[in-house]
Amino acid sequence: MLPRIKRQARAAFISMDAEAREDAVSEVVANAMCAYKRLHERGELERAFISALTRYAIAQFHDGRRVGSPQCAGDVYSVRAKRRGNHKRIHLGTPSKRVGEWMECLKDNRITPVPDQVAFRIDFPEWLNSQAPRNKQIAERLSLGFSTGDVATEFELSRGRVSQLRRELSESWYEFISSALE
């Protein structure tokens, strides 16, 4: 069943880029397997048709329903909320004023030890200021979790170039903190 489910899912997501398509196919496979398991538990395996399981899983994917991660109906970032369209997301401030956003990501961090958080809050802005203006903006966007594709679109670069910049920025950051430790 698995090869046919994957083949149908790949065909359904042919317009996506390779990375997004593989994520979508994996999600469809997981959803189809969960549906198969439910049919098995109920003793209804005679209803387990590959095409029906796959179509259902693809529909679930398009509806924003993911296996193992329920979404809150009020989550404005969910696929379902975007489809309803009864809300509007706006960014506060201009891109140049978003410097503090990454600091907000650390605000309620209970995993990283406090001394490491303090060191990061001191070192990261200093390192950012040592970067060229465009690289600084790219580093900020990447540190906030934006994908390579999103950053490439925003800065009119190829995904490959953003990936190279990510590696260069990472190397620069490690050199910076290494020199700070000496």
N, C-alpha and C. Protein backbone atom coordinates (compact mmCIF):
# COMPACT_ATOMS: atom_id res chain seq x y z
N MET A 1 0.82 -1.20 0.00
CA MET A 1 0.00 0.00 0.00
C MET A 1 0.86 1.27 0.00
N LEU A 2 1.94 1.23 0.76
CA LEU A 2 2.75 2.43 0.96
C LEU A 2 3.27 3.05 -0.34
N PRO A 3 3.86 2.27 -1.26
CA PRO A 3 4.34 2.90 -2.50
C PRO A 3 3.23 3.58 -3.30
N ARG A 4 2.05 2.98 -3.32
CA ARG A 4 0.95 3.58 -4.08
C ARG A 4 0.43 4.85 -3.40
N ILE A 5 0.39 4.84 -2.06
CA ILE A 5 -0.03 6.05 -1.33
C ILE A 5 0.95 7.18 -1.61
N LYS A 6 2.24 6.88 -1.53
CA LYS A 6 3.26 7.91 -1.81
C LYS A 6 3.15 8.43 -3.23
N ARG A 7 2.94 7.52 -4.19
CA ARG A 7 2.84 7.93 -5.60
C ARG A 7 1.65 8.87 -5.80
N GLN A 8 0.49 8.51 -5.24
CA GLN A 8 -0.70 9.36 -5.37
C GLN A 8 -0.48 10.72 -4.69
N ALA A 9 0.15 10.70 -3.53
CA ALA A 9 0.39 11.95 -2.79
C ALA A 9 1.36 12.84 -3.56
N ARG A 10 2.44 12.26 -4.11
CA ARG A 10 3.40 13.07 -4.90
C ARG A 10 2.70 13.72 -6.08
N ALA A 11 1.80 12.96 -6.73
CA ALA A 11 1.07 13.51 -7.88
C ALA A 11 0.16 14.66 -7.44
N ALA A 12 -0.42 14.54 -6.25
CA ALA A 12 -1.33 15.58 -5.75
C ALA A 12 -0.58 16.87 -5.40
N PHE A 13 0.70 16.74 -5.03
CA PHE A 13 1.46 17.91 -4.59
C PHE A 13 2.57 18.27 -5.58
N ILE A 14 2.37 17.96 -6.84
CA ILE A 14 3.40 18.16 -7.85
C ILE A 14 3.81 19.63 -8.00
N SER A 15 2.91 20.54 -7.68
CA SER A 15 3.22 21.97 -7.86
C SER A 15 4.07 22.55 -6.74
N MET A 16 4.27 21.78 -5.66
CA MET A 16 5.07 22.27 -4.53
C MET A 16 6.56 22.10 -4.82
N ASP A 17 7.39 22.89 -4.12
CA ASP A 17 8.83 22.67 -4.24
C ASP A 17 9.16 21.34 -3.56
N ALA A 18 10.34 20.81 -3.84
CA ALA A 18 10.71 19.46 -3.41
C ALA A 18 10.60 19.26 -1.90
N GLU A 19 11.09 20.22 -1.12
CA GLU A 19 11.07 20.08 0.33
C GLU A 19 9.64 20.07 0.87
N ALA A 20 8.83 21.01 0.41
CA ALA A 20 7.44 21.09 0.87
C ALA A 20 6.66 19.86 0.42
N ARG A 21 6.95 19.37 -0.81
CA ARG A 21 6.26 18.19 -1.31
C ARG A 21 6.57 16.97 -0.45
N GLU A 22 7.83 16.78 -0.07
CA GLU A 22 8.18 15.63 0.76
C GLU A 22 7.52 15.71 2.13
N ASP A 23 7.43 16.93 2.68
CA ASP A 23 6.73 17.10 3.96
C ASP A 23 5.26 16.74 3.81
N ALA A 24 4.65 17.21 2.72
CA ALA A 24 3.23 16.94 2.48
C ALA A 24 3.00 15.45 2.27
N VAL A 25 3.86 14.80 1.50
CA VAL A 25 3.72 13.36 1.26
C VAL A 25 3.85 12.59 2.57
N SER A 26 4.81 12.97 3.40
CA SER A 26 4.98 12.31 4.70
C SER A 26 3.74 12.48 5.57
N GLU A 27 3.17 13.66 5.53
CA GLU A 27 1.96 13.92 6.31
C GLU A 27 0.80 13.07 5.80
N VAL A 28 0.67 12.94 4.49
CA VAL A 28 -0.40 12.12 3.91
C VAL A 28 -0.20 10.65 4.28
N VAL A 29 1.03 10.17 4.22
CA VAL A 29 1.30 8.78 4.59
C VAL A 29 0.92 8.56 6.06
N ALA A 30 1.33 9.47 6.93
CA ALA A 30 1.00 9.33 8.35
C ALA A 30 -0.51 9.34 8.57
N ASN A 31 -1.21 10.23 7.89
CA ASN A 31 -2.67 10.31 8.03
C ASN A 31 -3.34 9.04 7.52
N ALA A 32 -2.87 8.53 6.37
CA ALA A 32 -3.45 7.31 5.81
C ALA A 32 -3.21 6.12 6.74
N MET A 33 -2.03 6.06 7.33
CA MET A 33 -1.74 4.95 8.25
C MET A 33 -2.60 5.04 9.52
N CYS A 34 -2.83 6.25 9.99
CA CYS A 34 -3.71 6.41 11.16
C CYS A 34 -5.14 5.98 10.83
N ALA A 35 -5.61 6.34 9.64
CA ALA A 35 -6.95 5.94 9.22
C ALA A 35 -7.03 4.42 9.08
N TYR A 36 -5.98 3.82 8.53
CA TYR A 36 -5.93 2.36 8.38
C TYR A 36 -5.98 1.69 9.75
N LYS A 37 -5.23 2.23 10.70
CA LYS A 37 -5.20 1.67 12.06
C LYS A 37 -6.60 1.75 12.70
N ARG A 38 -7.28 2.90 12.49
CA ARG A 38 -8.64 3.03 13.04
C ARG A 38 -9.58 1.99 12.43
N LEU A 39 -9.46 1.78 11.12
CA LEU A 39 -10.30 0.76 10.47
C LEU A 39 -9.98 -0.62 11.02
N HIS A 40 -8.72 -0.91 11.24
CA HIS A 40 -8.31 -2.21 11.80
C HIS A 40 -8.89 -2.39 13.19
N GLU A 41 -8.81 -1.36 14.02
CA GLU A 41 -9.33 -1.45 15.39
C GLU A 41 -10.83 -1.70 15.41
N ARG A 42 -11.53 -1.18 14.41
CA ARG A 42 -12.99 -1.36 14.35
C ARG A 42 -13.38 -2.62 13.58
N GLY A 43 -12.38 -3.33 13.06
CA GLY A 43 -12.67 -4.56 12.29
C GLY A 43 -13.27 -4.28 10.94
N GLU A 44 -12.93 -3.17 10.34
CA GLU A 44 -13.50 -2.77 9.05
C GLU A 44 -12.44 -2.65 7.95
N LEU A 45 -11.47 -3.54 7.96
CA LEU A 45 -10.39 -3.47 6.97
C LEU A 45 -10.88 -3.65 5.53
N GLU A 46 -12.06 -4.21 5.36
CA GLU A 46 -12.59 -4.35 3.99
C GLU A 46 -12.87 -2.97 3.36
N ARG A 47 -12.92 -1.93 4.19
CA ARG A 47 -13.14 -0.57 3.69
C ARG A 47 -11.83 0.16 3.41
N ALA A 48 -10.69 -0.49 3.62
CA ALA A 48 -9.38 0.15 3.50
C ALA A 48 -8.90 0.11 2.04
N PHE A 49 -9.44 0.98 1.22
CA PHE A 49 -9.01 1.11 -0.17
C PHE A 49 -7.92 2.18 -0.25
N ILE A 50 -6.88 1.87 -0.99
CA ILE A 50 -5.75 2.79 -1.08
C ILE A 50 -6.19 4.17 -1.57
N SER A 51 -6.97 4.19 -2.63
CA SER A 51 -7.36 5.48 -3.21
C SER A 51 -8.21 6.29 -2.23
N ALA A 52 -9.11 5.63 -1.50
CA ALA A 52 -9.95 6.35 -0.55
C ALA A 52 -9.13 6.87 0.63
N LEU A 53 -8.23 6.04 1.16
CA LEU A 53 -7.37 6.48 2.26
C LEU A 53 -6.52 7.67 1.85
N THR A 54 -5.97 7.60 0.64
CA THR A 54 -5.09 8.67 0.16
C THR A 54 -5.87 9.95 -0.10
N ARG A 55 -7.03 9.83 -0.76
CA ARG A 55 -7.85 11.03 -1.02
C ARG A 55 -8.25 11.71 0.28
N TYR A 56 -8.65 10.91 1.26
CA TYR A 56 -9.03 11.44 2.56
C TYR A 56 -7.84 12.15 3.22
N ALA A 57 -6.68 11.51 3.19
CA ALA A 57 -5.48 12.09 3.81
C ALA A 57 -5.08 13.39 3.11
N ILE A 58 -5.18 13.44 1.80
CA ILE A 58 -4.85 14.66 1.04
C ILE A 58 -5.83 15.77 1.39
N ALA A 59 -7.11 15.42 1.49
CA ALA A 59 -8.12 16.42 1.88
C ALA A 59 -7.83 16.95 3.28
N GLN A 60 -7.44 16.05 4.19
CA GLN A 60 -7.10 16.48 5.54
C GLN A 60 -5.91 17.42 5.52
N PHE A 61 -4.92 17.12 4.69
CA PHE A 61 -3.74 17.99 4.58
C PHE A 61 -4.15 19.37 4.08
N HIS A 62 -4.95 19.43 3.03
CA HIS A 62 -5.37 20.72 2.47
C HIS A 62 -6.24 21.51 3.46
N ASP A 63 -6.91 20.81 4.35
CA ASP A 63 -7.75 21.47 5.33
C ASP A 63 -6.94 21.94 6.54
N GLY A 64 -5.63 21.63 6.55
CA GLY A 64 -4.78 22.08 7.64
C GLY A 64 -4.77 21.14 8.83
N ARG A 65 -5.32 19.96 8.66
CA ARG A 65 -5.36 18.99 9.76
C ARG A 65 -4.12 18.12 9.67
N ARG A 66 -3.34 18.11 10.73
CA ARG A 66 -2.10 17.36 10.75
C ARG A 66 -2.16 16.27 11.80
N VAL A 67 -1.46 15.19 11.55
CA VAL A 67 -1.41 14.07 12.49
C VAL A 67 -0.57 14.48 13.69
N GLY A 68 -1.12 14.31 14.87
CA GLY A 68 -0.36 14.55 16.09
C GLY A 68 -0.21 15.99 16.49
N SER A 69 -0.82 16.92 15.78
CA SER A 69 -0.71 18.32 16.17
C SER A 69 -2.04 19.04 15.94
N PRO A 70 -2.93 18.91 16.91
CA PRO A 70 -4.23 19.58 16.77
C PRO A 70 -4.05 21.09 16.77
N GLN A 71 -4.92 21.76 16.02
CA GLN A 71 -4.82 23.22 15.94
C GLN A 71 -5.99 23.86 16.64
N CYS A 72 -5.68 24.91 17.33
CA CYS A 72 -6.69 25.69 18.01
C CYS A 72 -7.49 26.48 16.97
N ALA A 73 -8.79 26.51 17.12
CA ALA A 73 -9.63 27.22 16.16
C ALA A 73 -9.33 28.71 16.12
N GLY A 74 -8.79 29.25 17.21
CA GLY A 74 -8.49 30.67 17.26
C GLY A 74 -7.07 31.02 16.86
N ASP A 75 -6.28 30.04 16.43
CA ASP A 75 -4.88 30.29 16.07
C ASP A 75 -4.84 31.00 14.71
N VAL A 76 -4.43 32.25 14.70
CA VAL A 76 -4.44 33.03 13.46
C VAL A 76 -3.39 32.56 12.46
N TYR A 77 -2.43 31.75 12.89
CA TYR A 77 -1.42 31.25 11.98
C TYR A 77 -1.80 29.91 11.34
N SER A 78 -2.91 29.32 11.77
CA SER A 78 -3.29 28.02 11.24
C SER A 78 -3.78 28.14 9.81
N VAL A 79 -3.65 27.05 9.06
CA VAL A 79 -4.10 27.01 7.67
C VAL A 79 -5.59 27.25 7.60
N ARG A 80 -6.32 26.68 8.54
CA ARG A 80 -7.78 26.83 8.54
C ARG A 80 -8.20 28.28 8.77
N ALA A 81 -7.51 28.97 9.67
CA ALA A 81 -7.84 30.37 9.93
C ALA A 81 -7.54 31.23 8.71
N LYS A 82 -6.44 30.94 8.03
CA LYS A 82 -6.10 31.68 6.81
C LYS A 82 -7.18 31.47 5.75
N ARG A 83 -7.68 30.24 5.65
CA ARG A 83 -8.69 29.94 4.65
C ARG A 83 -10.00 30.67 4.94
N ARG A 84 -10.34 30.75 6.25
CA ARG A 84 -11.57 31.47 6.62
C ARG A 84 -11.46 32.94 6.27
N GLY A 85 -10.27 33.50 6.46
CA GLY A 85 -10.01 34.87 6.06
C GLY A 85 -10.73 35.93 6.86
N ASN A 86 -11.20 35.62 8.05
CA ASN A 86 -11.92 36.62 8.83
C ASN A 86 -11.01 37.36 9.81
N HIS A 87 -9.75 37.37 9.53
CA HIS A 87 -8.80 38.10 10.37
C HIS A 87 -7.69 38.66 9.49
N LYS A 88 -6.94 39.53 10.05
CA LYS A 88 -5.84 40.13 9.31
C LYS A 88 -4.61 40.16 10.20
N ARG A 89 -3.49 39.67 9.70
CA ARG A 89 -2.23 39.71 10.44
C ARG A 89 -1.45 40.91 9.97
N ILE A 90 -0.92 41.65 10.92
CA ILE A 90 -0.06 42.77 10.57
C ILE A 90 1.22 42.67 11.39
N HIS A 91 2.30 43.17 10.83
CA HIS A 91 3.56 43.21 11.56
C HIS A 91 3.66 44.56 12.24
N LEU A 92 4.12 44.55 13.45
CA LEU A 92 4.28 45.79 14.18
C LEU A 92 5.63 46.39 13.85
N GLY A 93 5.64 47.59 13.38
CA GLY A 93 6.89 48.26 13.08
C GLY A 93 7.40 47.94 11.69
N THR A 94 8.41 48.66 11.29
CA THR A 94 9.02 48.42 10.00
C THR A 94 10.10 47.36 10.17
N PRO A 95 10.56 46.75 9.08
CA PRO A 95 11.58 45.72 9.22
C PRO A 95 12.80 46.18 10.00
N SER A 96 13.19 47.44 9.87
CA SER A 96 14.37 47.90 10.58
C SER A 96 14.12 48.02 12.09
N LYS A 97 12.86 48.08 12.49
CA LYS A 97 12.53 48.21 13.91
C LYS A 97 12.21 46.87 14.55
N ARG A 98 12.38 45.78 13.81
CA ARG A 98 12.06 44.46 14.34
C ARG A 98 13.23 43.80 15.04
N VAL A 99 14.27 44.53 15.30
CA VAL A 99 15.48 43.97 15.90
C VAL A 99 15.17 43.25 17.20
N GLY A 100 14.25 43.77 17.99
CA GLY A 100 13.95 43.18 19.29
C GLY A 100 13.12 41.91 19.24
N GLU A 101 12.60 41.52 18.05
CA GLU A 101 11.74 40.35 17.97
C GLU A 101 12.44 39.09 18.45
N TRP A 102 13.70 38.90 18.06
CA TRP A 102 14.39 37.68 18.45
C TRP A 102 14.61 37.64 19.95
N MET A 103 14.72 38.81 20.58
CA MET A 103 14.87 38.82 22.04
C MET A 103 13.57 38.35 22.70
N GLU A 104 12.44 38.68 22.09
CA GLU A 104 11.16 38.22 22.62
C GLU A 104 11.06 36.70 22.60
N CYS A 105 11.73 36.09 21.62
CA CYS A 105 11.72 34.62 21.54
C CYS A 105 12.37 34.01 22.77
N LEU A 106 13.29 34.72 23.41
CA LEU A 106 13.98 34.21 24.59
C LEU A 106 13.24 34.52 25.89
N LYS A 107 12.26 35.39 25.82
CA LYS A 107 11.62 35.91 27.03
C LYS A 107 11.18 34.83 28.01
N ASP A 108 10.45 33.83 27.53
CA ASP A 108 9.94 32.78 28.41
C ASP A 108 10.68 31.46 28.22
N ASN A 109 11.94 31.53 27.88
CA ASN A 109 12.73 30.33 27.64
C ASN A 109 13.15 29.72 28.97
N ARG A 110 12.60 28.56 29.28
CA ARG A 110 12.93 27.90 30.55
C ARG A 110 13.94 26.78 30.36
N ILE A 111 14.41 26.59 29.15
CA ILE A 111 15.34 25.51 28.86
C ILE A 111 16.78 26.00 28.96
N THR A 112 17.06 27.15 28.34
CA THR A 112 18.42 27.69 28.34
C THR A 112 18.74 28.27 29.71
N PRO A 113 19.89 27.92 30.27
CA PRO A 113 20.28 28.49 31.57
C PRO A 113 20.37 30.01 31.49
N VAL A 114 20.02 30.68 32.57
CA VAL A 114 19.98 32.14 32.61
C VAL A 114 21.32 32.76 32.21
N PRO A 115 22.47 32.27 32.71
CA PRO A 115 23.74 32.89 32.29
C PRO A 115 23.95 32.83 30.77
N ASP A 116 23.52 31.74 30.15
CA ASP A 116 23.65 31.63 28.69
C ASP A 116 22.72 32.62 27.99
N GLN A 117 21.52 32.81 28.54
CA GLN A 117 20.59 33.78 27.96
C GLN A 117 21.18 35.19 28.04
N VAL A 118 21.76 35.51 29.18
CA VAL A 118 22.35 36.84 29.37
C VAL A 118 23.50 37.04 28.39
N ALA A 119 24.37 36.04 28.28
CA ALA A 119 25.49 36.14 27.35
C ALA A 119 25.00 36.33 25.92
N PHE A 120 23.95 35.59 25.55
CA PHE A 120 23.41 35.71 24.20
C PHE A 120 22.83 37.10 23.95
N ARG A 121 22.10 37.62 24.93
CA ARG A 121 21.49 38.95 24.78
C ARG A 121 22.54 40.05 24.66
N ILE A 122 23.71 39.81 25.17
CA ILE A 122 24.80 40.79 25.04
C ILE A 122 25.56 40.57 23.73
N ASP A 123 25.91 39.31 23.45
CA ASP A 123 26.76 39.01 22.31
C ASP A 123 26.04 39.11 20.96
N PHE A 124 24.80 38.65 20.89
CA PHE A 124 24.13 38.60 19.59
C PHE A 124 23.96 39.99 18.96
N PRO A 125 23.49 41.01 19.69
CA PRO A 125 23.38 42.34 19.06
C PRO A 125 24.75 42.87 18.62
N GLU A 126 25.77 42.58 19.41
CA GLU A 126 27.11 43.04 19.04
C GLU A 126 27.56 42.36 17.75
N TRP A 127 27.32 41.06 17.64
CA TRP A 127 27.68 40.33 16.42
C TRP A 127 26.86 40.84 15.24
N LEU A 128 25.54 41.05 15.45
CA LEU A 128 24.69 41.55 14.37
C LEU A 128 25.22 42.88 13.83
N ASN A 129 25.62 43.76 14.74
CA ASN A 129 26.12 45.08 14.32
C ASN A 129 27.43 45.00 13.55
N SER A 130 28.13 43.86 13.66
CA SER A 130 29.37 43.70 12.91
C SER A 130 29.12 43.22 11.48
N GLN A 131 27.88 42.91 11.16
CA GLN A 131 27.53 42.39 9.83
C GLN A 131 27.16 43.53 8.88
N ALA A 132 27.29 43.25 7.60
CA ALA A 132 26.83 44.20 6.58
C ALA A 132 25.32 44.37 6.75
N PRO A 133 24.76 45.53 6.39
CA PRO A 133 23.32 45.78 6.62
C PRO A 133 22.40 44.69 6.08
N ARG A 134 22.62 44.25 4.84
CA ARG A 134 21.74 43.23 4.28
C ARG A 134 21.91 41.90 5.01
N ASN A 135 23.15 41.51 5.30
CA ASN A 135 23.39 40.27 6.04
C ASN A 135 22.79 40.33 7.43
N LYS A 136 22.81 41.51 8.03
CA LYS A 136 22.21 41.69 9.35
C LYS A 136 20.71 41.41 9.28
N GLN A 137 20.04 41.97 8.28
CA GLN A 137 18.61 41.74 8.12
C GLN A 137 18.31 40.27 7.85
N ILE A 138 19.13 39.65 7.01
CA ILE A 138 18.93 38.22 6.70
C ILE A 138 19.13 37.39 7.96
N ALA A 139 20.17 37.70 8.74
CA ALA A 139 20.42 36.96 9.99
C ALA A 139 19.24 37.10 10.94
N GLU A 140 18.68 38.30 11.04
CA GLU A 140 17.52 38.52 11.92
C GLU A 140 16.34 37.66 11.48
N ARG A 141 16.06 37.66 10.17
CA ARG A 141 14.92 36.89 9.66
C ARG A 141 15.13 35.39 9.90
N LEU A 142 16.33 34.90 9.62
CA LEU A 142 16.61 33.49 9.83
C LEU A 142 16.55 33.13 11.30
N SER A 143 17.01 34.02 12.17
CA SER A 143 16.99 33.73 13.61
C SER A 143 15.56 33.70 14.16
N LEU A 144 14.64 34.33 13.45
CA LEU A 144 13.24 34.30 13.88
C LEU A 144 12.50 33.08 13.36
N GLY A 145 13.20 32.25 12.58
CA GLY A 145 12.59 31.01 12.12
C GLY A 145 11.99 31.07 10.73
N PHE A 146 12.23 32.16 10.00
CA PHE A 146 11.73 32.24 8.64
C PHE A 146 12.48 31.23 7.78
N SER A 147 11.79 30.62 6.83
CA SER A 147 12.41 29.60 6.00
C SER A 147 13.34 30.24 4.97
N THR A 148 14.19 29.40 4.39
CA THR A 148 15.10 29.85 3.34
C THR A 148 14.30 30.45 2.19
N GLY A 149 13.19 29.81 1.84
CA GLY A 149 12.34 30.30 0.75
C GLY A 149 11.75 31.67 1.05
N ASP A 150 11.27 31.85 2.29
CA ASP A 150 10.69 33.14 2.67
C ASP A 150 11.74 34.25 2.59
N VAL A 151 12.92 33.98 3.11
CA VAL A 151 14.00 34.97 3.11
C VAL A 151 14.45 35.26 1.68
N ALA A 152 14.53 34.20 0.86
CA ALA A 152 14.94 34.39 -0.54
C ALA A 152 13.95 35.29 -1.27
N THR A 153 12.68 35.09 -1.04
CA THR A 153 11.66 35.92 -1.68
C THR A 153 11.75 37.36 -1.19
N GLU A 154 11.88 37.54 0.11
CA GLU A 154 11.91 38.88 0.69
C GLU A 154 13.11 39.69 0.20
N PHE A 155 14.27 39.03 0.06
CA PHE A 155 15.48 39.75 -0.32
C PHE A 155 15.85 39.56 -1.79
N GLU A 156 14.94 38.93 -2.55
CA GLU A 156 15.13 38.72 -3.98
C GLU A 156 16.45 37.99 -4.27
N LEU A 157 16.65 36.89 -3.56
CA LEU A 157 17.82 36.04 -3.74
C LEU A 157 17.35 34.63 -4.07
N SER A 158 18.26 33.79 -4.52
CA SER A 158 17.90 32.39 -4.72
C SER A 158 17.96 31.67 -3.37
N ARG A 159 17.25 30.57 -3.28
CA ARG A 159 17.28 29.77 -2.05
C ARG A 159 18.69 29.28 -1.76
N GLY A 160 19.39 28.92 -2.82
CA GLY A 160 20.76 28.44 -2.65
C GLY A 160 21.66 29.50 -2.04
N ARG A 161 21.48 30.75 -2.51
CA ARG A 161 22.31 31.84 -1.97
C ARG A 161 21.98 32.09 -0.50
N VAL A 162 20.70 32.02 -0.15
CA VAL A 162 20.32 32.21 1.26
C VAL A 162 20.91 31.09 2.10
N SER A 163 20.91 29.87 1.56
CA SER A 163 21.50 28.75 2.29
C SER A 163 23.00 28.97 2.49
N GLN A 164 23.69 29.48 1.46
CA GLN A 164 25.11 29.80 1.59
C GLN A 164 25.32 30.88 2.64
N LEU A 165 24.48 31.92 2.60
CA LEU A 165 24.60 32.99 3.59
C LEU A 165 24.36 32.47 5.00
N ARG A 166 23.41 31.55 5.14
CA ARG A 166 23.15 30.97 6.46
C ARG A 166 24.41 30.30 7.00
N ARG A 167 25.08 29.54 6.13
CA ARG A 167 26.31 28.86 6.54
C ARG A 167 27.40 29.88 6.88
N GLU A 168 27.54 30.93 6.05
CA GLU A 168 28.55 31.96 6.30
C GLU A 168 28.26 32.69 7.61
N LEU A 169 26.99 33.00 7.86
CA LEU A 169 26.62 33.68 9.10
C LEU A 169 26.88 32.78 10.30
N SER A 170 26.57 31.51 10.15
CA SER A 170 26.82 30.56 11.23
C SER A 170 28.31 30.50 11.56
N GLU A 171 29.13 30.42 10.53
CA GLU A 171 30.59 30.39 10.75
C GLU A 171 31.07 31.68 11.41
N SER A 172 30.52 32.80 10.96
CA SER A 172 30.88 34.09 11.53
C SER A 172 30.50 34.16 13.01
N TRP A 173 29.29 33.64 13.34
CA TRP A 173 28.83 33.65 14.73
C TRP A 173 29.75 32.80 15.60
N TYR A 174 30.11 31.60 15.12
CA TYR A 174 30.98 30.73 15.92
C TYR A 174 32.38 31.33 16.10
N GLU A 175 32.87 32.01 15.07
CA GLU A 175 34.16 32.71 15.21
C GLU A 175 34.04 33.82 16.25
N PHE A 176 32.92 34.54 16.22
CA PHE A 176 32.69 35.64 17.15
C PHE A 176 32.66 35.15 18.60
N ILE A 177 31.88 34.09 18.85
CA ILE A 177 31.79 33.62 20.24
C ILE A 177 33.07 32.93 20.69
N SER A 178 33.79 32.32 19.74
CA SER A 178 35.08 31.70 20.09
C SER A 178 36.07 32.77 20.51
N SER A 179 36.11 33.87 19.78
CA SER A 179 37.03 34.95 20.14
C SER A 179 36.62 35.62 21.46
N ALA A 180 35.32 35.63 21.74
CA ALA A 180 34.83 36.22 22.98
C ALA A 180 35.22 35.37 24.20
N LEU A 181 35.34 34.05 23.98
CA LEU A 181 35.68 33.15 25.07
C LEU A 181 37.17 33.17 25.39
N GLU A 182 37.98 33.68 24.46
CA GLU A 182 39.43 33.69 24.68
C GLU A 182 39.86 34.80 25.61
